[in-house]
């Protein structure tokens, strides 16, 4: 479902997807941020590739159950909200995220302030 929004904050590129998630790419490290950064303790070896990419996901939002929804989508229980726009506040500690359903013909919205 592809990239729907992109923003830049310092050395991090934030990507909003059509699957309702945000991914974070570190330009300096040239890789996506990990959900669980690998830790090395004395006497242990680090697991390579043992962590997953950090992915934040939108909530349910609102979806209009109109004629299009009833005729074509009523048997589907959940639609992820595509992230069509997002932006950081001036401190970089909060992120406004907004979007809606991806399938053409559906009407709805999602908005959230993440910190």
PDB file of N, CA and C in Angstrom:
ATOM      1  N   UNK A   1       0.825  -1.203   0.000  1.00  0.00           N
ATOM      2  CA  UNK A   1       0.000   0.000   0.000  1.00  0.00           C
ATOM      3  C   UNK A   1       0.861   1.255   0.000  1.00  0.00           C
ATOM      4  N   UNK A   2       2.157   1.110   0.090  1.00  0.00           N
ATOM      5  CA  UNK A   2       3.088   2.191  -0.177  1.00  0.00           C
ATOM      6  C   UNK A   2       3.210   3.285   0.862  1.00  0.00           C
ATOM      7  N   UNK A   3       4.050   4.246   0.502  1.00  0.00           N
ATOM      8  CA  UNK A   3       4.323   5.404   1.340  1.00  0.00           C
ATOM      9  C   UNK A   3       3.255   6.453   1.068  1.00  0.00           C
ATOM     10  N   UNK A   4       2.669   7.004   2.140  1.00  0.00           N
ATOM     11  CA  UNK A   4       1.621   8.016   2.021  1.00  0.00           C
ATOM     12  C   UNK A   4       2.045   9.370   2.567  1.00  0.00           C
ATOM     13  N   UNK A   5       3.066   9.414   3.433  1.00  0.00           N
ATOM     14  CA  UNK A   5       3.566  10.686   3.954  1.00  0.00           C
ATOM     15  C   UNK A   5       5.015  10.511   4.402  1.00  0.00           C
ATOM     16  N   UNK A   6       5.754  11.615   4.358  1.00  0.00           N
ATOM     17  CA  UNK A   6       7.161  11.617   4.759  1.00  0.00           C
ATOM     18  C   UNK A   6       7.438  12.917   5.509  1.00  0.00           C
ATOM     19  N   UNK A   7       8.201  12.823   6.590  1.00  0.00           N
ATOM     20  CA  UNK A   7       8.655  14.033   7.272  1.00  0.00           C
ATOM     21  C   UNK A   7      10.094  13.835   7.723  1.00  0.00           C
ATOM     22  N   UNK A   8      10.760  14.944   7.968  1.00  0.00           N
ATOM     23  CA  UNK A   8      12.156  14.938   8.397  1.00  0.00           C
ATOM     24  C   UNK A   8      12.255  15.652   9.728  1.00  0.00           C
ATOM     25  N   UNK A   9      12.960  15.052  10.681  1.00  0.00           N
ATOM     26  CA  UNK A   9      13.250  15.693  11.960  1.00  0.00           C
ATOM     27  C   UNK A   9      14.696  15.365  12.311  1.00  0.00           C
ATOM     28  N   UNK A  10      15.553  16.383  12.293  1.00  0.00           N
ATOM     29  CA  UNK A  10      16.988  16.219  12.493  1.00  0.00           C
ATOM     30  C   UNK A  10      17.512  15.143  11.540  1.00  0.00           C
ATOM     31  N   UNK A  11      18.021  14.031  12.036  1.00  0.00           N
ATOM     32  CA  UNK A  11      18.576  12.995  11.154  1.00  0.00           C
ATOM     33  C   UNK A  11      17.637  11.793  10.969  1.00  0.00           C
ATOM     34  N   UNK A  12      16.362  11.966  11.335  1.00  0.00           N
ATOM     35  CA  UNK A  12      15.384  10.886  11.227  1.00  0.00           C
ATOM     36  C   UNK A  12      14.352  11.218  10.147  1.00  0.00           C
ATOM     37  N   UNK A  13      14.141  10.280   9.244  1.00  0.00           N
ATOM     38  CA  UNK A  13      13.061  10.382   8.267  1.00  0.00           C
ATOM     39  C   UNK A  13      11.920   9.506   8.783  1.00  0.00           C
ATOM     40  N   UNK A  14      10.745  10.092   8.897  1.00  0.00           N
ATOM     41  CA  UNK A  14       9.578   9.354   9.360  1.00  0.00           C
ATOM     42  C   UNK A  14       8.668   9.107   8.167  1.00  0.00           C
ATOM     43  N   UNK A  15       8.246   7.856   7.995  1.00  0.00           N
ATOM     44  CA  UNK A  15       7.466   7.447   6.836  1.00  0.00           C
ATOM     45  C   UNK A  15       6.104   6.933   7.297  1.00  0.00           C
ATOM     46  N   UNK A  16       5.029   7.520   6.764  1.00  0.00           N
ATOM     47  CA  UNK A  16       3.677   7.044   7.029  1.00  0.00           C
ATOM     48  C   UNK A  16       3.256   6.106   5.909  1.00  0.00           C
ATOM     49  N   UNK A  17       2.662   4.986   6.242  1.00  0.00           N
ATOM     50  CA  UNK A  17       2.318   3.972   5.238  1.00  0.00           C
ATOM     51  C   UNK A  17       0.808   3.838   5.052  1.00  0.00           C
ATOM     52  N   UNK A  18       0.436   3.171   4.000  1.00  0.00           N
ATOM     53  CA  UNK A  18      -0.963   2.865   3.752  1.00  0.00           C
ATOM     54  C   UNK A  18      -1.506   1.780   4.657  1.00  0.00           C
ATOM     55  N   UNK A  19      -0.627   1.090   5.377  1.00  0.00           N
ATOM     56  CA  UNK A  19      -1.048   0.056   6.331  1.00  0.00           C
ATOM     57  C   UNK A  19      -1.304   0.631   7.715  1.00  0.00           C
ATOM     58  N   UNK A  20      -1.250   1.963   7.847  1.00  0.00           N
ATOM     59  CA  UNK A  20      -1.554   2.594   9.132  1.00  0.00           C
ATOM     60  C   UNK A  20      -0.404   2.571  10.112  1.00  0.00           C
ATOM     61  N   UNK A  21       0.817   2.631   9.626  1.00  0.00           N
ATOM     62  CA  UNK A  21       1.953   2.622  10.542  1.00  0.00           C
ATOM     63  C   UNK A  21       2.971   3.692  10.164  1.00  0.00           C
ATOM     64  N   UNK A  22       3.805   4.018  11.145  1.00  0.00           N
ATOM     65  CA  UNK A  22       4.927   4.929  10.939  1.00  0.00           C
ATOM     66  C   UNK A  22       6.221   4.158  11.135  1.00  0.00           C
ATOM     67  N   UNK A  23       7.164   4.397  10.249  1.00  0.00           N
ATOM     68  CA  UNK A  23       8.498   3.797  10.328  1.00  0.00           C
ATOM     69  C   UNK A  23       9.505   4.925  10.438  1.00  0.00           C
ATOM     70  N   UNK A  24      10.630   4.676  11.080  1.00  0.00           N
ATOM     71  CA  UNK A  24      11.629   5.704  11.346  1.00  0.00           C
ATOM     72  C   UNK A  24      12.974   5.276  10.777  1.00  0.00           C
ATOM     73  N   UNK A  25      13.510   6.086   9.872  1.00  0.00           N
ATOM     74  CA  UNK A  25      14.782   5.776   9.219  1.00  0.00           C
ATOM     75  C   UNK A  25      15.843   6.766   9.672  1.00  0.00           C
ATOM     76  N   UNK A  26      16.953   6.251  10.186  1.00  0.00           N
ATOM     77  CA  UNK A  26      18.074   7.065  10.653  1.00  0.00           C
ATOM     78  C   UNK A  26      19.047   7.270   9.493  1.00  0.00           C
ATOM     79  N   UNK A  27      19.178   8.515   9.038  1.00  0.00           N
ATOM     80  CA  UNK A  27      20.045   8.817   7.901  1.00  0.00           C
ATOM     81  C   UNK A  27      21.508   8.532   8.238  1.00  0.00           C
ATOM     82  N   UNK A  28      21.921   8.871   9.458  1.00  0.00           N
ATOM     83  CA  UNK A  28      23.329   8.669   9.845  1.00  0.00           C
ATOM     84  C   UNK A  28      23.708   7.188   9.860  1.00  0.00           C
ATOM     85  N   UNK A  29      22.847   6.373  10.444  1.00  0.00           N
ATOM     86  CA  UNK A  29      23.125   4.927  10.543  1.00  0.00           C
ATOM     87  C   UNK A  29      22.744   4.187   9.269  1.00  0.00           C
ATOM     88  N   UNK A  30      21.997   4.828   8.402  1.00  0.00           N
ATOM     89  CA  UNK A  30      21.512   4.251   7.145  1.00  0.00           C
ATOM     90  C   UNK A  30      20.730   2.958   7.367  1.00  0.00           C
ATOM     91  N   UNK A  31      19.789   3.030   8.323  1.00  0.00           N
ATOM     92  CA  UNK A  31      18.917   1.887   8.593  1.00  0.00           C
ATOM     93  C   UNK A  31      17.700   2.344   9.391  1.00  0.00           C
ATOM     94  N   UNK A  32      16.673   1.507   9.398  1.00  0.00           N
ATOM     95  CA  UNK A  32      15.479   1.796  10.178  1.00  0.00           C
ATOM     96  C   UNK A  32      15.782   1.604  11.661  1.00  0.00           C
ATOM     97  N   UNK A  33      15.102   2.385  12.516  1.00  0.00           N
ATOM     98  CA  UNK A  33      15.273   2.236  13.958  1.00  0.00           C
ATOM     99  C   UNK A  33      14.698   0.902  14.411  1.00  0.00           C
ATOM    100  N   UNK A  34      15.354   0.309  15.393  1.00  0.00           N
ATOM    101  CA  UNK A  34      14.920  -0.977  15.937  1.00  0.00           C
ATOM    102  C   UNK A  34      13.933  -0.772  17.069  1.00  0.00           C
ATOM    103  N   UNK A  35      12.994  -1.709  17.180  1.00  0.00           N
ATOM    104  CA  UNK A  35      12.037  -1.675  18.283  1.00  0.00           C
ATOM    105  C   UNK A  35      12.737  -1.970  19.606  1.00  0.00           C
ATOM    106  N   UNK A  36      13.594  -2.968  19.580  1.00  0.00           N
ATOM    107  CA  UNK A  36      14.347  -3.337  20.776  1.00  0.00           C
ATOM    108  C   UNK A  36      15.822  -3.297  20.427  1.00  0.00           C
ATOM    109  N   UNK A  37      16.501  -2.214  20.814  1.00  0.00           N
ATOM    110  CA  UNK A  37      17.922  -2.134  20.468  1.00  0.00           C
ATOM    111  C   UNK A  37      18.696  -3.308  21.054  1.00  0.00           C
ATOM    112  N   UNK A  38      19.585  -3.892  20.274  1.00  0.00           N
ATOM    113  CA  UNK A  38      20.363  -5.016  20.793  1.00  0.00           C
ATOM    114  C   UNK A  38      21.270  -4.575  21.931  1.00  0.00           C
ATOM    115  N   UNK A  39      21.366  -5.409  22.966  1.00  0.00           N
ATOM    116  CA  UNK A  39      22.231  -5.120  24.113  1.00  0.00           C
ATOM    117  C   UNK A  39      23.294  -6.202  24.220  1.00  0.00           C
ATOM    118  N   UNK A  40      24.478  -5.790  24.509  1.00  0.00           N
ATOM    119  CA  UNK A  40      25.553  -6.760  24.711  1.00  0.00           C
ATOM    120  C   UNK A  40      25.990  -6.694  26.173  1.00  0.00           C
ATOM    121  N   UNK A  41      25.914  -7.802  26.856  1.00  0.00           N
ATOM    122  CA  UNK A  41      26.385  -7.879  28.232  1.00  0.00           C
ATOM    123  C   UNK A  41      27.738  -8.568  28.249  1.00  0.00           C
ATOM    124  N   UNK A  42      28.471  -8.384  29.319  1.00  0.00           N
ATOM    125  CA  UNK A  42      29.765  -9.013  29.452  1.00  0.00           C
ATOM    126  C   UNK A  42      29.604 -10.522  29.313  1.00  0.00           C
ATOM    127  N   UNK A  43      30.357 -11.119  28.434  1.00  0.00           N
ATOM    128  CA  UNK A  43      30.325 -12.564  28.249  1.00  0.00           C
ATOM    129  C   UNK A  43      29.248 -13.047  27.288  1.00  0.00           C
ATOM    130  N   UNK A  44      28.448 -12.126  26.715  1.00  0.00           N
ATOM    131  CA  UNK A  44      27.420 -12.527  25.765  1.00  0.00           C
ATOM    132  C   UNK A  44      27.737 -11.937  24.397  1.00  0.00           C
ATOM    133  N   UNK A  45      27.333 -12.669  23.387  1.00  0.00           N
ATOM    134  CA  UNK A  45      27.469 -12.146  22.031  1.00  0.00           C
ATOM    135  C   UNK A  45      26.150 -11.508  21.610  1.00  0.00           C
ATOM    136  N   UNK A  46      26.245 -10.453  20.820  1.00  0.00           N
ATOM    137  CA  UNK A  46      25.041  -9.816  20.313  1.00  0.00           C
ATOM    138  C   UNK A  46      24.399 -10.696  19.251  1.00  0.00           C
ATOM    139  N   UNK A  47      23.087 -10.733  19.256  1.00  0.00           N
ATOM    140  CA  UNK A  47      22.355 -11.410  18.195  1.00  0.00           C
ATOM    141  C   UNK A  47      22.265 -10.460  17.017  1.00  0.00           C
ATOM    142  N   UNK A  48      22.680 -10.901  15.885  1.00  0.00           N
ATOM    143  CA  UNK A  48      22.566 -10.080  14.695  1.00  0.00           C
ATOM    144  C   UNK A  48      21.194 -10.300  14.089  1.00  0.00           C
ATOM    145  N   UNK A  49      20.496  -9.221  13.799  1.00  0.00           N
ATOM    146  CA  UNK A  49      19.169  -9.327  13.211  1.00  0.00           C
ATOM    147  C   UNK A  49      18.117  -9.806  14.195  1.00  0.00           C
ATOM    148  N   UNK A  50      18.398  -9.733  15.497  1.00  0.00           N
ATOM    149  CA  UNK A  50      17.468 -10.218  16.502  1.00  0.00           C
ATOM    150  C   UNK A  50      16.379  -9.230  16.876  1.00  0.00           C
ATOM    151  N   UNK A  51      16.472  -8.004  16.405  1.00  0.00           N
ATOM    152  CA  UNK A  51      15.459  -7.019  16.759  1.00  0.00           C
ATOM    153  C   UNK A  51      14.596  -6.697  15.540  1.00  0.00           C
ATOM    154  N   UNK A  52      13.437  -6.142  15.805  1.00  0.00           N
ATOM    155  CA  UNK A  52      12.520  -5.812  14.736  1.00  0.00           C
ATOM    156  C   UNK A  52      12.499  -4.309  14.509  1.00  0.00           C
ATOM    157  N   UNK A  53      12.042  -3.904  13.343  1.00  0.00           N
ATOM    158  CA  UNK A  53      11.949  -2.495  13.007  1.00  0.00           C
ATOM    159  C   UNK A  53      10.869  -1.841  13.859  1.00  0.00           C
ATOM    160  N   UNK A  54      11.174  -0.657  14.392  1.00  0.00           N
ATOM    161  CA  UNK A  54      10.210   0.101  15.173  1.00  0.00           C
ATOM    162  C   UNK A  54       9.064   0.533  14.268  1.00  0.00           C
ATOM    163  N   UNK A  55       7.850   0.176  14.660  1.00  0.00           N
ATOM    164  CA  UNK A  55       6.665   0.506  13.875  1.00  0.00           C
ATOM    165  C   UNK A  55       5.561   0.928  14.831  1.00  0.00           C
ATOM    166  N   UNK A  56       5.097   2.169  14.697  1.00  0.00           N
ATOM    167  CA  UNK A  56       3.965   2.645  15.475  1.00  0.00           C
ATOM    168  C   UNK A  56       2.726   2.563  14.590  1.00  0.00           C
ATOM    169  N   UNK A  57       1.603   2.153  15.174  1.00  0.00           N
ATOM    170  CA  UNK A  57       0.408   1.872  14.389  1.00  0.00           C
ATOM    171  C   UNK A  57      -0.764   2.738  14.836  1.00  0.00           C
ATOM    172  N   UNK A  58      -1.565   3.196  13.863  1.00  0.00           N
ATOM    173  CA  UNK A  58      -2.746   3.990  14.166  1.00  0.00           C
ATOM    174  C   UNK A  58      -3.827   3.131  14.804  1.00  0.00           C
ATOM    175  N   UNK A  59      -4.771   3.815  15.433  1.00  0.00           N
ATOM    176  CA  UNK A  59      -5.910   3.135  16.032  1.00  0.00           C
ATOM    177  C   UNK A  59      -7.054   2.981  15.051  1.00  0.00           C
ATOM    178  N   UNK A  60      -8.214   2.663  15.591  1.00  0.00           N
ATOM    179  CA  UNK A  60      -9.387   2.358  14.775  1.00  0.00           C
ATOM    180  C   UNK A  60      -9.912   3.574  14.013  1.00  0.00           C
ATOM    181  N   UNK A  61      -9.959   4.739  14.644  1.00  0.00           N
ATOM    182  CA  UNK A  61     -10.492   5.923  13.981  1.00  0.00           C
ATOM    183  C   UNK A  61     -11.993   5.823  13.762  1.00  0.00           C
ATOM    184  N   UNK A  62     -12.488   6.572  12.777  1.00  0.00           N
ATOM    185  CA  UNK A  62     -13.909   6.582  12.462  1.00  0.00           C
ATOM    186  C   UNK A  62     -14.092   6.201  11.004  1.00  0.00           C
ATOM    187  N   UNK A  63     -15.105   5.371  10.726  1.00  0.00           N
ATOM    188  CA  UNK A  63     -15.396   4.936   9.365  1.00  0.00           C
ATOM    189  C   UNK A  63     -16.895   5.067   9.117  1.00  0.00           C
ATOM    190  N   UNK A  64     -17.255   5.773   8.048  1.00  0.00           N
ATOM    191  CA  UNK A  64     -18.652   5.966   7.694  1.00  0.00           C
ATOM    192  C   UNK A  64     -19.196   4.676   7.077  1.00  0.00           C
ATOM    193  N   UNK A  65     -20.215   4.126   7.689  1.00  0.00           N
ATOM    194  CA  UNK A  65     -20.829   2.888   7.188  1.00  0.00           C
ATOM    195  C   UNK A  65     -21.945   3.247   6.208  1.00  0.00           C
ATOM    196  N   UNK A  66     -21.532   3.807   5.083  1.00  0.00           N
ATOM    197  CA  UNK A  66     -22.477   4.247   4.063  1.00  0.00           C
ATOM    198  C   UNK A  66     -22.769   3.113   3.074  1.00  0.00           C
ATOM    199  N   UNK A  67     -23.409   3.457   1.971  1.00  0.00           N
ATOM    200  CA  UNK A  67     -23.809   2.452   0.974  1.00  0.00           C
ATOM    201  C   UNK A  67     -22.605   1.722   0.373  1.00  0.00           C
ATOM    202  N   UNK A  68     -21.545   2.451   0.067  1.00  0.00           N
ATOM    203  CA  UNK A  68     -20.332   1.813  -0.480  1.00  0.00           C
ATOM    204  C   UNK A  68     -19.783   0.795   0.496  1.00  0.00           C
ATOM    205  N   UNK A  69     -19.696   1.156   1.776  1.00  0.00           N
ATOM    206  CA  UNK A  69     -19.186   0.233   2.792  1.00  0.00           C
ATOM    207  C   UNK A  69     -20.103  -0.989   2.882  1.00  0.00           C
ATOM    208  N   UNK A  70     -21.412  -0.767   2.918  1.00  0.00           N
ATOM    209  CA  UNK A  70     -22.367  -1.892   3.040  1.00  0.00           C
ATOM    210  C   UNK A  70     -22.278  -2.831   1.843  1.00  0.00           C
ATOM    211  N   UNK A  71     -22.115  -2.281   0.638  1.00  0.00           N
ATOM    212  CA  UNK A  71     -22.115  -3.109  -0.569  1.00  0.00           C
ATOM    213  C   UNK A  71     -20.816  -3.872  -0.805  1.00  0.00           C
ATOM    214  N   UNK A  72     -19.687  -3.290  -0.407  1.00  0.00           N
ATOM    215  CA  UNK A  72     -18.398  -3.881  -0.791  1.00  0.00           C
ATOM    216  C   UNK A  72     -17.495  -4.291   0.369  1.00  0.00           C
ATOM    217  N   UNK A  73     -17.660  -3.700   1.540  1.00  0.00           N
ATOM    218  CA  UNK A  73     -16.683  -3.909   2.605  1.00  0.00           C
ATOM    219  C   UNK A  73     -17.276  -4.362   3.936  1.00  0.00           C
ATOM    220  N   UNK A  74     -18.573  -4.569   4.023  1.00  0.00           N
ATOM    221  CA  UNK A  74     -19.217  -4.824   5.317  1.00  0.00           C
ATOM    222  C   UNK A  74     -18.753  -6.113   5.999  1.00  0.00           C
ATOM    223  N   UNK A  75     -18.222  -7.055   5.240  1.00  0.00           N
ATOM    224  CA  UNK A  75     -17.773  -8.311   5.850  1.00  0.00           C
ATOM    225  C   UNK A  75     -16.340  -8.244   6.368  1.00  0.00           C
ATOM    226  N   UNK A  76     -15.650  -7.133   6.098  1.00  0.00           N
ATOM    227  CA  UNK A  76     -14.281  -6.947   6.589  1.00  0.00           C
ATOM    228  C   UNK A  76     -14.363  -6.227   7.928  1.00  0.00           C
ATOM    229  N   UNK A  77     -13.754  -6.819   8.961  1.00  0.00           N
ATOM    230  CA  UNK A  77     -13.886  -6.297  10.315  1.00  0.00           C
ATOM    231  C   UNK A  77     -13.026  -5.072  10.608  1.00  0.00           C
ATOM    232  N   UNK A  78     -11.875  -4.947   9.955  1.00  0.00           N
ATOM    233  CA  UNK A  78     -10.961  -3.876  10.335  1.00  0.00           C
ATOM    234  C   UNK A  78     -10.242  -3.324   9.117  1.00  0.00           C
ATOM    235  N   UNK A  79     -10.179  -2.019   9.040  1.00  0.00           N
ATOM    236  CA  UNK A  79      -9.398  -1.332   8.002  1.00  0.00           C
ATOM    237  C   UNK A  79      -8.328  -0.509   8.694  1.00  0.00           C
ATOM    238  N   UNK A  80      -7.063  -0.732   8.396  1.00  0.00           N
ATOM    239  CA  UNK A  80      -6.053   0.167   8.956  1.00  0.00           C
ATOM    240  C   UNK A  80      -6.198   1.539   8.315  1.00  0.00           C
ATOM    241  N   UNK A  81      -5.949   2.576   9.074  1.00  0.00           N
ATOM    242  CA  UNK A  81      -6.013   3.937   8.561  1.00  0.00           C
ATOM    243  C   UNK A  81      -4.672   4.323   7.978  1.00  0.00           C
ATOM    244  N   UNK A  82      -4.649   4.644   6.700  1.00  0.00           N
ATOM    245  CA  UNK A  82      -3.413   5.108   6.068  1.00  0.00           C
ATOM    246  C   UNK A  82      -2.983   6.408   6.739  1.00  0.00           C
ATOM    247  N   UNK A  83      -1.678   6.599   6.897  1.00  0.00           N
ATOM    248  CA  UNK A  83      -1.142   7.824   7.496  1.00  0.00           C
ATOM    249  C   UNK A  83      -0.853   8.806   6.363  1.00  0.00           C
ATOM    250  N   UNK A  84      -1.779   9.747   6.160  1.00  0.00           N
ATOM    251  CA  UNK A  84      -1.656  10.701   5.064  1.00  0.00           C
ATOM    252  C   UNK A  84      -0.841  11.930   5.437  1.00  0.00           C
ATOM    253  N   UNK A  85      -0.726  12.225   6.719  1.00  0.00           N
ATOM    254  CA  UNK A  85       0.106  13.350   7.153  1.00  0.00           C
ATOM    255  C   UNK A  85       0.559  13.123   8.592  1.00  0.00           C
ATOM    256  N   UNK A  86       1.696  13.673   8.927  1.00  0.00           N
ATOM    257  CA  UNK A  86       2.201  13.624  10.295  1.00  0.00           C
ATOM    258  C   UNK A  86       3.254  14.712  10.464  1.00  0.00           C
ATOM    259  N   UNK A  87       3.401  15.199  11.694  1.00  0.00           N
ATOM    260  CA  UNK A  87       4.425  16.212  11.960  1.00  0.00           C
ATOM    261  C   UNK A  87       4.791  16.204  13.443  1.00  0.00           C
ATOM    262  N   UNK A  88       6.037  16.578  13.724  1.00  0.00           N
ATOM    263  CA  UNK A  88       6.552  16.678  15.084  1.00  0.00           C
ATOM    264  C   UNK A  88       6.266  18.064  15.642  1.00  0.00           C
ATOM    265  N   UNK A  89       6.161  18.165  16.975  1.00  0.00           N
ATOM    266  CA  UNK A  89       6.098  19.487  17.595  1.00  0.00           C
ATOM    267  C   UNK A  89       7.515  20.055  17.661  1.00  0.00           C
ATOM    268  N   UNK A  90       7.650  21.291  18.132  1.00  0.00           N
ATOM    269  CA  UNK A  90       8.956  21.958  18.121  1.00  0.00           C
ATOM    270  C   UNK A  90       9.982  21.277  19.028  1.00  0.00           C
ATOM    271  N   UNK A  91       9.521  20.560  20.067  1.00  0.00           N
ATOM    272  CA  UNK A  91      10.465  19.877  20.967  1.00  0.00           C
ATOM    273  C   UNK A  91      10.873  18.501  20.438  1.00  0.00           C
ATOM    274  N   UNK A  92      10.137  17.985  19.464  1.00  0.00           N
ATOM    275  CA  UNK A  92      10.441  16.660  18.919  1.00  0.00           C
ATOM    276  C   UNK A  92       9.964  15.516  19.786  1.00  0.00           C
ATOM    277  N   UNK A  93       9.146  15.813  20.810  1.00  0.00           N
ATOM    278  CA  UNK A  93       8.683  14.761  21.718  1.00  0.00           C
ATOM    279  C   UNK A  93       7.257  14.314  21.435  1.00  0.00           C
ATOM    280  N   UNK A  94       6.539  15.059  20.607  1.00  0.00           N
ATOM    281  CA  UNK A  94       5.165  14.699  20.263  1.00  0.00           C
ATOM    282  C   UNK A  94       5.030  14.647  18.749  1.00  0.00           C
ATOM    283  N   UNK A  95       4.131  13.785  18.316  1.00  0.00           N
ATOM    284  CA  UNK A  95       3.943  13.567  16.891  1.00  0.00           C
ATOM    285  C   UNK A  95       2.443  13.564  16.603  1.00  0.00           C
ATOM    286  N   UNK A  96       2.007  14.484  15.733  1.00  0.00           N
ATOM    287  CA  UNK A  96       0.618  14.499  15.289  1.00  0.00           C
ATOM    288  C   UNK A  96       0.504  13.595  14.071  1.00  0.00           C
ATOM    289  N   UNK A  97      -0.474  12.698  14.091  1.00  0.00           N
ATOM    290  CA  UNK A  97      -0.665  11.731  13.010  1.00  0.00           C
ATOM    291  C   UNK A  97      -2.121  11.797  12.566  1.00  0.00           C
ATOM    292  N   UNK A  98      -2.328  11.839  11.248  1.00  0.00           N
ATOM    293  CA  UNK A  98      -3.682  11.937  10.725  1.00  0.00           C
ATOM    294  C   UNK A  98      -3.803  11.114   9.454  1.00  0.00           C
ATOM    295  N   UNK A  99      -5.005  10.591   9.217  1.00  0.00           N
ATOM    296  CA  UNK A  99      -5.218   9.808   8.013  1.00  0.00           C
ATOM    297  C   UNK A  99      -6.634   9.314   7.911  1.00  0.00           C
ATOM    298  N   UNK A 100      -6.788   8.237   7.176  1.00  0.00           N
ATOM    299  CA  UNK A 100      -8.104   7.661   6.966  1.00  0.00           C
ATOM    300  C   UNK A 100      -8.004   6.378   6.174  1.00  0.00           C
ATOM    301  N   UNK A 101      -9.153   5.832   5.789  1.00  0.00           N
ATOM    302  CA  UNK A 101      -9.142   4.549   5.075  1.00  0.00           C
ATOM    303  C   UNK A 101      -8.496   4.674   3.700  1.00  0.00           C
ATOM    304  N   UNK A 102      -7.809   3.640   3.284  1.00  0.00           N
ATOM    305  CA  UNK A 102      -7.114   3.632   2.004  1.00  0.00           C
ATOM    306  C   UNK A 102      -8.029   3.258   0.829  1.00  0.00           C
ATOM    307  N   UNK A 103      -8.945   2.286   0.969  1.00  0.00           N
ATOM    308  CA  UNK A 103      -9.752   1.896  -0.189  1.00  0.00           C
ATOM    309  C   UNK A 103     -10.582   3.059  -0.739  1.00  0.00           C
ATOM    310  N   UNK A 104     -10.573   3.197  -2.036  1.00  0.00           N
ATOM    311  CA  UNK A 104     -11.340   4.245  -2.703  1.00  0.00           C
ATOM    312  C   UNK A 104     -12.829   4.054  -2.439  1.00  0.00           C
ATOM    313  N   UNK A 105     -13.505   5.134  -2.163  1.00  0.00           N
ATOM    314  CA  UNK A 105     -14.939   5.077  -1.909  1.00  0.00           C
ATOM    315  C   UNK A 105     -15.306   5.066  -0.450  1.00  0.00           C
ATOM    316  N   UNK A 106     -14.368   4.692   0.426  1.00  0.00           N
ATOM    317  CA  UNK A 106     -14.653   4.710   1.859  1.00  0.00           C
ATOM    318  C   UNK A 106     -14.374   6.107   2.408  1.00  0.00           C
ATOM    319  N   UNK A 107     -15.155   6.497   3.412  1.00  0.00           N
ATOM    320  CA  UNK A 107     -14.990   7.808   4.034  1.00  0.00           C
ATOM    321  C   UNK A 107     -14.799   7.615   5.533  1.00  0.00           C
ATOM    322  N   UNK A 108     -13.761   8.238   6.061  1.00  0.00           N
ATOM    323  CA  UNK A 108     -13.484   8.140   7.480  1.00  0.00           C
ATOM    324  C   UNK A 108     -12.282   8.975   7.826  1.00  0.00           C
ATOM    325  N   UNK A 109     -11.851   8.895   9.096  1.00  0.00           N
ATOM    326  CA  UNK A 109     -10.683   9.659   9.498  1.00  0.00           C
ATOM    327  C   UNK A 109     -10.045   9.069  10.745  1.00  0.00           C
ATOM    328  N   UNK A 110      -8.807   9.476  10.952  1.00  0.00           N
ATOM    329  CA  UNK A 110      -8.053   9.136  12.148  1.00  0.00           C
ATOM    330  C   UNK A 110      -7.192  10.341  12.492  1.00  0.00           C
ATOM    331  N   UNK A 111      -7.111  10.678  13.751  1.00  0.00           N
ATOM    332  CA  UNK A 111      -6.191  11.718  14.214  1.00  0.00           C
ATOM    333  C   UNK A 111      -5.692  11.311  15.581  1.00  0.00           C
ATOM    334  N   UNK A 112      -4.401  11.490  15.809  1.00  0.00           N
ATOM    335  CA  UNK A 112      -3.825  11.160  17.103  1.00  0.00           C
ATOM    336  C   UNK A 112      -2.627  12.033  17.401  1.00  0.00           C
ATOM    337  N   UNK A 113      -2.413  12.258  18.691  1.00  0.00           N
ATOM    338  CA  UNK A 113      -1.223  12.980  19.155  1.00  0.00           C
ATOM    339  C   UNK A 113      -0.424  11.993  19.984  1.00  0.00           C
ATOM    340  N   UNK A 114       0.698  11.571  19.462  1.00  0.00           N
ATOM    341  CA  UNK A 114       1.519  10.555  20.117  1.00  0.00           C
ATOM    342  C   UNK A 114       2.674  11.229  20.844  1.00  0.00           C
ATOM    343  N   UNK A 115       3.046  10.696  21.999  1.00  0.00           N
ATOM    344  CA  UNK A 115       4.209  11.226  22.719  1.00  0.00           C
ATOM    345  C   UNK A 115       5.046  10.090  23.254  1.00  0.00           C
TER     346      UNK A 115
END
